[in-house]
All heavy atoms as atom14 arrays in JSON, in Angstrom:
{
  "sequence": "VCEPDPAAWAWQRHTHAIARRSGRTLTAAQEALLLHE",
  "atom14_mask": [
    [1, 1, 1, 1, 1, 1, 1, 0, 0, 0, 0, 0, 0, 0],
    [1, 1, 1, 1, 1, 1, 0, 0, 0, 0, 0, 0, 0, 0],
    [1, 1, 1, 1, 1, 1, 1, 1, 1, 0, 0, 0, 0, 0],
    [1, 1, 1, 1, 1, 1, 1, 0, 0, 0, 0, 0, 0, 0],
    [1, 1, 1, 1, 1, 1, 1, 1, 0, 0, 0, 0, 0, 0],
    [1, 1, 1, 1, 1, 1, 1, 0, 0, 0, 0, 0, 0, 0],
    [1, 1, 1, 1, 1, 0, 0, 0, 0, 0, 0, 0, 0, 0],
    [1, 1, 1, 1, 1, 0, 0, 0, 0, 0, 0, 0, 0, 0],
    [1, 1, 1, 1, 1, 1, 1, 1, 1, 1, 1, 1, 1, 1],
    [1, 1, 1, 1, 1, 0, 0, 0, 0, 0, 0, 0, 0, 0],
    [1, 1, 1, 1, 1, 1, 1, 1, 1, 1, 1, 1, 1, 1],
    [1, 1, 1, 1, 1, 1, 1, 1, 1, 0, 0, 0, 0, 0],
    [1, 1, 1, 1, 1, 1, 1, 1, 1, 1, 1, 0, 0, 0],
    [1, 1, 1, 1, 1, 1, 1, 1, 1, 1, 0, 0, 0, 0],
    [1, 1, 1, 1, 1, 1, 1, 0, 0, 0, 0, 0, 0, 0],
    [1, 1, 1, 1, 1, 1, 1, 1, 1, 1, 0, 0, 0, 0],
    [1, 1, 1, 1, 1, 0, 0, 0, 0, 0, 0, 0, 0, 0],
    [1, 1, 1, 1, 1, 1, 1, 1, 0, 0, 0, 0, 0, 0],
    [1, 1, 1, 1, 1, 0, 0, 0, 0, 0, 0, 0, 0, 0],
    [1, 1, 1, 1, 1, 1, 1, 1, 1, 1, 1, 0, 0, 0],
    [1, 1, 1, 1, 1, 1, 1, 1, 1, 1, 1, 0, 0, 0],
    [1, 1, 1, 1, 1, 1, 0, 0, 0, 0, 0, 0, 0, 0],
    [1, 1, 1, 1, 0, 0, 0, 0, 0, 0, 0, 0, 0, 0],
    [1, 1, 1, 1, 1, 1, 1, 1, 1, 1, 1, 0, 0, 0],
    [1, 1, 1, 1, 1, 1, 1, 0, 0, 0, 0, 0, 0, 0],
    [1, 1, 1, 1, 1, 1, 1, 1, 0, 0, 0, 0, 0, 0],
    [1, 1, 1, 1, 1, 1, 1, 0, 0, 0, 0, 0, 0, 0],
    [1, 1, 1, 1, 1, 0, 0, 0, 0, 0, 0, 0, 0, 0],
    [1, 1, 1, 1, 1, 0, 0, 0, 0, 0, 0, 0, 0, 0],
    [1, 1, 1, 1, 1, 1, 1, 1, 1, 0, 0, 0, 0, 0],
    [1, 1, 1, 1, 1, 1, 1, 1, 1, 0, 0, 0, 0, 0],
    [1, 1, 1, 1, 1, 0, 0, 0, 0, 0, 0, 0, 0, 0],
    [1, 1, 1, 1, 1, 1, 1, 1, 0, 0, 0, 0, 0, 0],
    [1, 1, 1, 1, 1, 1, 1, 1, 0, 0, 0, 0, 0, 0],
    [1, 1, 1, 1, 1, 1, 1, 1, 0, 0, 0, 0, 0, 0],
    [1, 1, 1, 1, 1, 1, 1, 1, 1, 1, 0, 0, 0, 0],
    [1, 1, 1, 1, 1, 1, 1, 1, 1, 0, 0, 0, 0, 0]
  ],
  "atom14_positions": [
    [[-0.86, -9.21, -16.36], [0.19, -9.09, -17.43], [-0.06, -7.96, -18.29], [0.92, -7.57, -19.03], [0.39, -10.46, -18.13], [0.89, -11.53, -17.24], [-0.85, -10.8, -18.92], [0.0, 0.0, 0.0], [0.0, 0.0, 0.0], [0.0, 0.0, 0.0], [0.0, 0.0, 0.0], [0.0, 0.0, 0.0], [0.0, 0.0, 0.0], [0.0, 0.0, 0.0]],
    [[-1.15, -7.35, -18.36], [-1.5, -6.27, -19.21], [-1.2, -4.87, -18.42], [-1.19, -3.81, -18.99], [-3.0, -6.22, -19.61], [-3.33, -7.5, -20.82], [0.0, 0.0, 0.0], [0.0, 0.0, 0.0], [0.0, 0.0, 0.0], [0.0, 0.0, 0.0], [0.0, 0.0, 0.0], [0.0, 0.0, 0.0], [0.0, 0.0, 0.0], [0.0, 0.0, 0.0]],
    [[-0.85, -5.07, -17.15], [-0.48, -3.82, -16.35], [0.92, -3.28, -16.82], [1.71, -4.15, -17.3], [-0.42, -4.13, -14.89], [-1.66, -4.47, -14.23], [-2.53, -3.26, -14.12], [-1.97, -2.15, -13.75], [-3.73, -3.33, -14.28], [0.0, 0.0, 0.0], [0.0, 0.0, 0.0], [0.0, 0.0, 0.0], [0.0, 0.0, 0.0], [0.0, 0.0, 0.0]],
    [[1.18, -2.0, -16.61], [2.48, -1.58, -17.05], [3.64, -2.25, -16.27], [4.66, -2.52, -16.81], [2.5, -0.04, -16.53], [0.98, 0.34, -16.53], [0.26, -0.94, -16.19], [0.0, 0.0, 0.0], [0.0, 0.0, 0.0], [0.0, 0.0, 0.0], [0.0, 0.0, 0.0], [0.0, 0.0, 0.0], [0.0, 0.0, 0.0], [0.0, 0.0, 0.0]],
    [[3.41, -2.66, -14.98], [4.41, -3.4, -14.25], [3.65, -4.44, -13.32], [3.18, -4.0, -12.25], [5.26, -2.47, -13.45], [6.49, -3.22, -12.85], [6.34, -4.42, -12.6], [7.55, -2.57, -12.69], [0.0, 0.0, 0.0], [0.0, 0.0, 0.0], [0.0, 0.0, 0.0], [0.0, 0.0, 0.0], [0.0, 0.0, 0.0], [0.0, 0.0, 0.0]],
    [[3.55, -5.62, -13.76], [2.86, -6.69, -12.94], [3.46, -6.77, -11.46], [2.67, -6.99, -10.54], [3.05, -7.95, -13.7], [3.22, -7.44, -15.13], [3.9, -6.21, -15.04], [0.0, 0.0, 0.0], [0.0, 0.0, 0.0], [0.0, 0.0, 0.0], [0.0, 0.0, 0.0], [0.0, 0.0, 0.0], [0.0, 0.0, 0.0], [0.0, 0.0, 0.0]],
    [[4.75, -6.63, -11.44], [5.31, -6.72, -10.02], [4.81, -5.69, -9.11], [4.55, -5.89, -7.94], [6.82, -6.72, -10.1], [0.0, 0.0, 0.0], [0.0, 0.0, 0.0], [0.0, 0.0, 0.0], [0.0, 0.0, 0.0], [0.0, 0.0, 0.0], [0.0, 0.0, 0.0], [0.0, 0.0, 0.0], [0.0, 0.0, 0.0], [0.0, 0.0, 0.0]],
    [[4.71, -4.47, -9.62], [4.24, -3.33, -8.81], [2.71, -3.52, -8.4], [2.33, -3.24, -7.28], [4.37, -2.01, -9.6], [0.0, 0.0, 0.0], [0.0, 0.0, 0.0], [0.0, 0.0, 0.0], [0.0, 0.0, 0.0], [0.0, 0.0, 0.0], [0.0, 0.0, 0.0], [0.0, 0.0, 0.0], [0.0, 0.0, 0.0], [0.0, 0.0, 0.0]],
    [[1.98, -4.1, -9.3], [0.57, -4.44, -9.1], [0.44, -5.43, -7.97], [-0.28, -5.21, -7.0], [-0.05, -4.97, -10.36], [-1.57, -5.27, -10.33], [-2.5, -4.37, -10.64], [-2.24, -6.44, -9.79], [-3.73, -5.0, -10.51], [-3.6, -6.16, -9.93], [-1.77, -7.65, -9.34], [-4.5, -7.19, -9.56], [-2.74, -8.61, -8.91], [-4.09, -8.29, -9.1]],
    [[1.2, -6.44, -8.11], [1.14, -7.52, -7.02], [1.72, -6.98, -5.72], [1.19, -7.31, -4.61], [1.88, -8.75, -7.49], [0.0, 0.0, 0.0], [0.0, 0.0, 0.0], [0.0, 0.0, 0.0], [0.0, 0.0, 0.0], [0.0, 0.0, 0.0], [0.0, 0.0, 0.0], [0.0, 0.0, 0.0], [0.0, 0.0, 0.0], [0.0, 0.0, 0.0]],
    [[2.82, -6.25, -5.7], [3.4, -5.77, -4.5], [2.47, -4.88, -3.7], [2.37, -4.94, -2.54], [4.76, -5.08, -4.79], [5.44, -4.66, -3.54], [5.54, -3.32, -3.06], [6.12, -5.46, -2.53], [6.23, -3.39, -1.86], [6.54, -4.66, -1.47], [6.3, -6.86, -2.48], [7.2, -5.1, -0.41], [6.94, -7.35, -1.3], [7.39, -6.46, -0.36]],
    [[1.82, -4.01, -4.5], [0.89, -3.09, -3.8], [-0.27, -3.86, -3.07], [-0.56, -3.58, -1.95], [0.28, -2.12, -4.8], [-0.75, -1.19, -4.2], [-1.45, -0.34, -5.29], [-1.63, -0.7, -6.4], [-1.84, 0.86, -4.84], [0.0, 0.0, 0.0], [0.0, 0.0, 0.0], [0.0, 0.0, 0.0], [0.0, 0.0, 0.0], [0.0, 0.0, 0.0]],
    [[-0.8, -4.85, -3.67], [-1.81, -5.66, -3.07], [-1.28, -6.42, -1.9], [-1.95, -6.6, -0.83], [-2.45, -6.57, -4.12], [-3.56, -5.79, -4.85], [-3.59, -6.05, -6.32], [-4.45, -5.19, -7.03], [-4.13, -4.03, -7.58], [-2.82, -3.63, -7.47], [-4.99, -3.29, -8.14], [0.0, 0.0, 0.0], [0.0, 0.0, 0.0], [0.0, 0.0, 0.0]],
    [[-0.05, -6.9, -2.06], [0.57, -7.75, -0.96], [0.75, -6.82, 0.25], [0.46, -7.17, 1.33], [1.92, -8.28, -1.48], [2.59, -9.13, -0.46], [2.0, -10.23, 0.16], [3.86, -9.12, 0.01], [2.86, -10.78, 0.99], [3.98, -10.16, 0.93], [0.0, 0.0, 0.0], [0.0, 0.0, 0.0], [0.0, 0.0, 0.0], [0.0, 0.0, 0.0]],
    [[1.42, -5.64, 0.08], [1.75, -4.74, 1.23], [0.42, -4.23, 1.84], [0.31, -4.05, 3.1], [2.59, -3.6, 0.79], [2.06, -2.9, -0.25], [4.0, -4.07, 0.44], [0.0, 0.0, 0.0], [0.0, 0.0, 0.0], [0.0, 0.0, 0.0], [0.0, 0.0, 0.0], [0.0, 0.0, 0.0], [0.0, 0.0, 0.0], [0.0, 0.0, 0.0]],
    [[-0.65, -4.02, 1.07], [-1.92, -3.63, 1.59], [-2.43, -4.7, 2.48], [-3.0, -4.46, 3.54], [-2.86, -3.15, 0.57], [-2.56, -1.85, -0.06], [-3.36, -1.23, -1.0], [-1.54, -0.96, 0.18], [-2.79, -0.12, -1.35], [-1.65, 0.09, -0.65], [0.0, 0.0, 0.0], [0.0, 0.0, 0.0], [0.0, 0.0, 0.0], [0.0, 0.0, 0.0]],
    [[-2.41, -5.95, 2.02], [-2.97, -7.1, 2.8], [-2.13, -7.33, 4.01], [-2.75, -7.51, 5.1], [-2.86, -8.36, 1.95], [0.0, 0.0, 0.0], [0.0, 0.0, 0.0], [0.0, 0.0, 0.0], [0.0, 0.0, 0.0], [0.0, 0.0, 0.0], [0.0, 0.0, 0.0], [0.0, 0.0, 0.0], [0.0, 0.0, 0.0], [0.0, 0.0, 0.0]],
    [[-0.85, -7.12, 4.07], [0.0, -7.31, 5.24], [-0.39, -6.11, 6.22], [-0.49, -6.35, 7.42], [1.49, -7.26, 4.86], [1.87, -8.36, 3.91], [2.4, -7.23, 6.05], [1.68, -9.74, 4.47], [0.0, 0.0, 0.0], [0.0, 0.0, 0.0], [0.0, 0.0, 0.0], [0.0, 0.0, 0.0], [0.0, 0.0, 0.0], [0.0, 0.0, 0.0]],
    [[-0.52, -4.91, 5.69], [-0.91, -3.86, 6.57], [-2.25, -4.08, 7.29], [-2.37, -3.84, 8.47], [-0.9, -2.55, 5.81], [0.0, 0.0, 0.0], [0.0, 0.0, 0.0], [0.0, 0.0, 0.0], [0.0, 0.0, 0.0], [0.0, 0.0, 0.0], [0.0, 0.0, 0.0], [0.0, 0.0, 0.0], [0.0, 0.0, 0.0], [0.0, 0.0, 0.0]],
    [[-3.21, -4.61, 6.55], [-4.51, -4.9, 7.11], [-4.34, -6.03, 8.2], [-5.0, -5.82, 9.27], [-5.48, -5.39, 6.04], [-6.43, -4.38, 5.53], [-7.52, -4.91, 4.68], [-7.26, -6.13, 3.91], [-6.74, -6.11, 2.69], [-6.37, -4.94, 2.11], [-6.53, -7.23, 2.08], [0.0, 0.0, 0.0], [0.0, 0.0, 0.0], [0.0, 0.0, 0.0]],
    [[-3.59, -6.99, 7.95], [-3.46, -8.14, 8.87], [-2.67, -7.69, 10.03], [-2.92, -8.26, 11.19], [-2.88, -9.3, 8.14], [-3.86, -9.99, 7.2], [-3.1, -11.13, 6.5], [-4.03, -11.84, 5.6], [-4.79, -12.88, 5.93], [-4.83, -13.37, 7.28], [-5.63, -13.49, 5.13], [0.0, 0.0, 0.0], [0.0, 0.0, 0.0], [0.0, 0.0, 0.0]],
    [[-1.62, -6.9, 9.95], [-0.76, -6.53, 11.01], [-1.25, -5.31, 11.8], [-0.76, -5.09, 12.94], [0.67, -6.27, 10.51], [0.69, -5.05, 9.67], [0.0, 0.0, 0.0], [0.0, 0.0, 0.0], [0.0, 0.0, 0.0], [0.0, 0.0, 0.0], [0.0, 0.0, 0.0], [0.0, 0.0, 0.0], [0.0, 0.0, 0.0], [0.0, 0.0, 0.0]],
    [[-2.08, -4.5, 11.2], [-2.52, -3.3, 11.85], [-1.57, -2.13, 11.77], [-1.72, -1.17, 12.5], [0.0, 0.0, 0.0], [0.0, 0.0, 0.0], [0.0, 0.0, 0.0], [0.0, 0.0, 0.0], [0.0, 0.0, 0.0], [0.0, 0.0, 0.0], [0.0, 0.0, 0.0], [0.0, 0.0, 0.0], [0.0, 0.0, 0.0], [0.0, 0.0, 0.0]],
    [[-0.57, -2.26, 10.97], [0.38, -1.19, 10.78], [0.76, -1.05, 9.29], [1.04, -2.03, 8.63], [1.58, -1.3, 11.68], [2.51, -2.48, 11.43], [3.68, -2.49, 12.31], [4.59, -3.46, 11.78], [4.88, -4.53, 12.3], [4.28, -5.05, 13.36], [5.79, -5.4, 11.76], [0.0, 0.0, 0.0], [0.0, 0.0, 0.0], [0.0, 0.0, 0.0]],
    [[0.89, 0.14, 8.89], [1.31, 0.44, 7.52], [2.8, 0.98, 7.47], [3.02, 1.93, 8.19], [0.37, 1.44, 6.88], [-0.94, 0.92, 6.92], [0.72, 1.71, 5.39], [0.0, 0.0, 0.0], [0.0, 0.0, 0.0], [0.0, 0.0, 0.0], [0.0, 0.0, 0.0], [0.0, 0.0, 0.0], [0.0, 0.0, 0.0], [0.0, 0.0, 0.0]],
    [[3.58, 0.39, 6.61], [4.95, 0.91, 6.52], [5.04, 1.83, 5.28], [4.26, 1.62, 4.28], [5.9, -0.31, 6.22], [6.08, -1.34, 7.26], [7.04, -2.41, 6.95], [6.4, -0.72, 8.67], [0.0, 0.0, 0.0], [0.0, 0.0, 0.0], [0.0, 0.0, 0.0], [0.0, 0.0, 0.0], [0.0, 0.0, 0.0], [0.0, 0.0, 0.0]],
    [[5.86, 2.8, 5.41], [6.07, 3.71, 4.22], [6.92, 2.94, 3.19], [7.51, 1.91, 3.5], [6.82, 4.97, 4.65], [8.18, 4.54, 5.06], [6.1, 5.75, 5.7], [0.0, 0.0, 0.0], [0.0, 0.0, 0.0], [0.0, 0.0, 0.0], [0.0, 0.0, 0.0], [0.0, 0.0, 0.0], [0.0, 0.0, 0.0], [0.0, 0.0, 0.0]],
    [[6.99, 3.5, 2.04], [7.88, 2.8, 0.96], [9.29, 2.73, 1.45], [9.96, 1.79, 1.21], [7.63, 3.54, -0.39], [0.0, 0.0, 0.0], [0.0, 0.0, 0.0], [0.0, 0.0, 0.0], [0.0, 0.0, 0.0], [0.0, 0.0, 0.0], [0.0, 0.0, 0.0], [0.0, 0.0, 0.0], [0.0, 0.0, 0.0], [0.0, 0.0, 0.0]],
    [[9.66, 3.77, 2.11], [11.07, 3.84, 2.61], [11.38, 2.76, 3.73], [12.38, 2.09, 3.74], [11.48, 5.17, 3.19], [0.0, 0.0, 0.0], [0.0, 0.0, 0.0], [0.0, 0.0, 0.0], [0.0, 0.0, 0.0], [0.0, 0.0, 0.0], [0.0, 0.0, 0.0], [0.0, 0.0, 0.0], [0.0, 0.0, 0.0], [0.0, 0.0, 0.0]],
    [[10.39, 2.61, 4.61], [10.49, 1.53, 5.62], [10.39, 0.19, 4.95], [11.17, -0.71, 5.43], [9.34, 1.68, 6.57], [9.49, 2.86, 7.53], [8.2, 3.18, 8.36], [7.1, 2.92, 7.94], [8.45, 3.59, 9.63], [0.0, 0.0, 0.0], [0.0, 0.0, 0.0], [0.0, 0.0, 0.0], [0.0, 0.0, 0.0], [0.0, 0.0, 0.0]],
    [[9.65, -0.05, 3.99], [9.56, -1.29, 3.3], [10.96, -1.65, 2.61], [11.44, -2.76, 2.82], [8.46, -1.31, 2.2], [7.07, -1.37, 2.64], [6.11, -1.1, 1.47], [6.5, -1.18, 0.31], [4.91, -1.06, 1.74], [0.0, 0.0, 0.0], [0.0, 0.0, 0.0], [0.0, 0.0, 0.0], [0.0, 0.0, 0.0], [0.0, 0.0, 0.0]],
    [[11.48, -0.6, 2.02], [12.76, -0.84, 1.34], [13.81, -1.16, 2.37], [14.69, -2.07, 2.16], [13.19, 0.43, 0.55], [0.0, 0.0, 0.0], [0.0, 0.0, 0.0], [0.0, 0.0, 0.0], [0.0, 0.0, 0.0], [0.0, 0.0, 0.0], [0.0, 0.0, 0.0], [0.0, 0.0, 0.0], [0.0, 0.0, 0.0], [0.0, 0.0, 0.0]],
    [[13.86, -0.4, 3.48], [14.84, -0.69, 4.55], [14.62, -2.16, 5.1], [15.65, -2.77, 5.35], [14.67, 0.33, 5.67], [15.87, 0.47, 6.64], [17.14, 0.83, 5.89], [15.54, 1.43, 7.71], [0.0, 0.0, 0.0], [0.0, 0.0, 0.0], [0.0, 0.0, 0.0], [0.0, 0.0, 0.0], [0.0, 0.0, 0.0], [0.0, 0.0, 0.0]],
    [[13.45, -2.52, 5.39], [13.14, -3.86, 5.85], [13.67, -4.9, 4.9], [14.34, -5.86, 5.2], [11.61, -4.02, 6.16], [11.22, -5.45, 6.51], [11.75, -5.82, 7.84], [9.66, -5.51, 6.52], [0.0, 0.0, 0.0], [0.0, 0.0, 0.0], [0.0, 0.0, 0.0], [0.0, 0.0, 0.0], [0.0, 0.0, 0.0], [0.0, 0.0, 0.0]],
    [[13.37, -4.73, 3.6], [13.75, -5.7, 2.56], [15.25, -5.67, 2.44], [15.9, -6.85, 2.33], [13.18, -5.33, 1.25], [11.61, -5.5, 1.1], [11.11, -4.8, -0.11], [11.29, -7.0, 1.08], [0.0, 0.0, 0.0], [0.0, 0.0, 0.0], [0.0, 0.0, 0.0], [0.0, 0.0, 0.0], [0.0, 0.0, 0.0], [0.0, 0.0, 0.0]],
    [[15.89, -4.56, 2.61], [17.37, -4.58, 2.41], [18.17, -4.92, 3.68], [19.06, -5.81, 3.67], [17.84, -3.11, 1.94], [19.22, -3.06, 1.57], [19.71, -3.67, 0.42], [20.28, -2.32, 2.06], [21.03, -3.49, 0.25], [21.32, -2.56, 1.36], [0.0, 0.0, 0.0], [0.0, 0.0, 0.0], [0.0, 0.0, 0.0], [0.0, 0.0, 0.0]],
    [[17.78, -4.37, 4.81], [18.5, -4.51, 6.06], [18.15, -5.75, 6.86], [19.02, -6.49, 7.32], [18.33, -3.29, 7.03], [18.83, -2.0, 6.43], [20.42, -1.95, 6.26], [21.06, -2.54, 7.09], [20.8, -1.26, 5.35], [0.0, 0.0, 0.0], [0.0, 0.0, 0.0], [0.0, 0.0, 0.0], [0.0, 0.0, 0.0], [0.0, 0.0, 0.0]]
  ]
}
């Protein structure tokens, strides 16, 4: 909660964990497209 943006802090850790577990890293653009589309 002392971070400038707690959501960004958590999202970064979440996407890194998902990338490690899945073996593939999405770009920020790909993440946004996945979330939206």
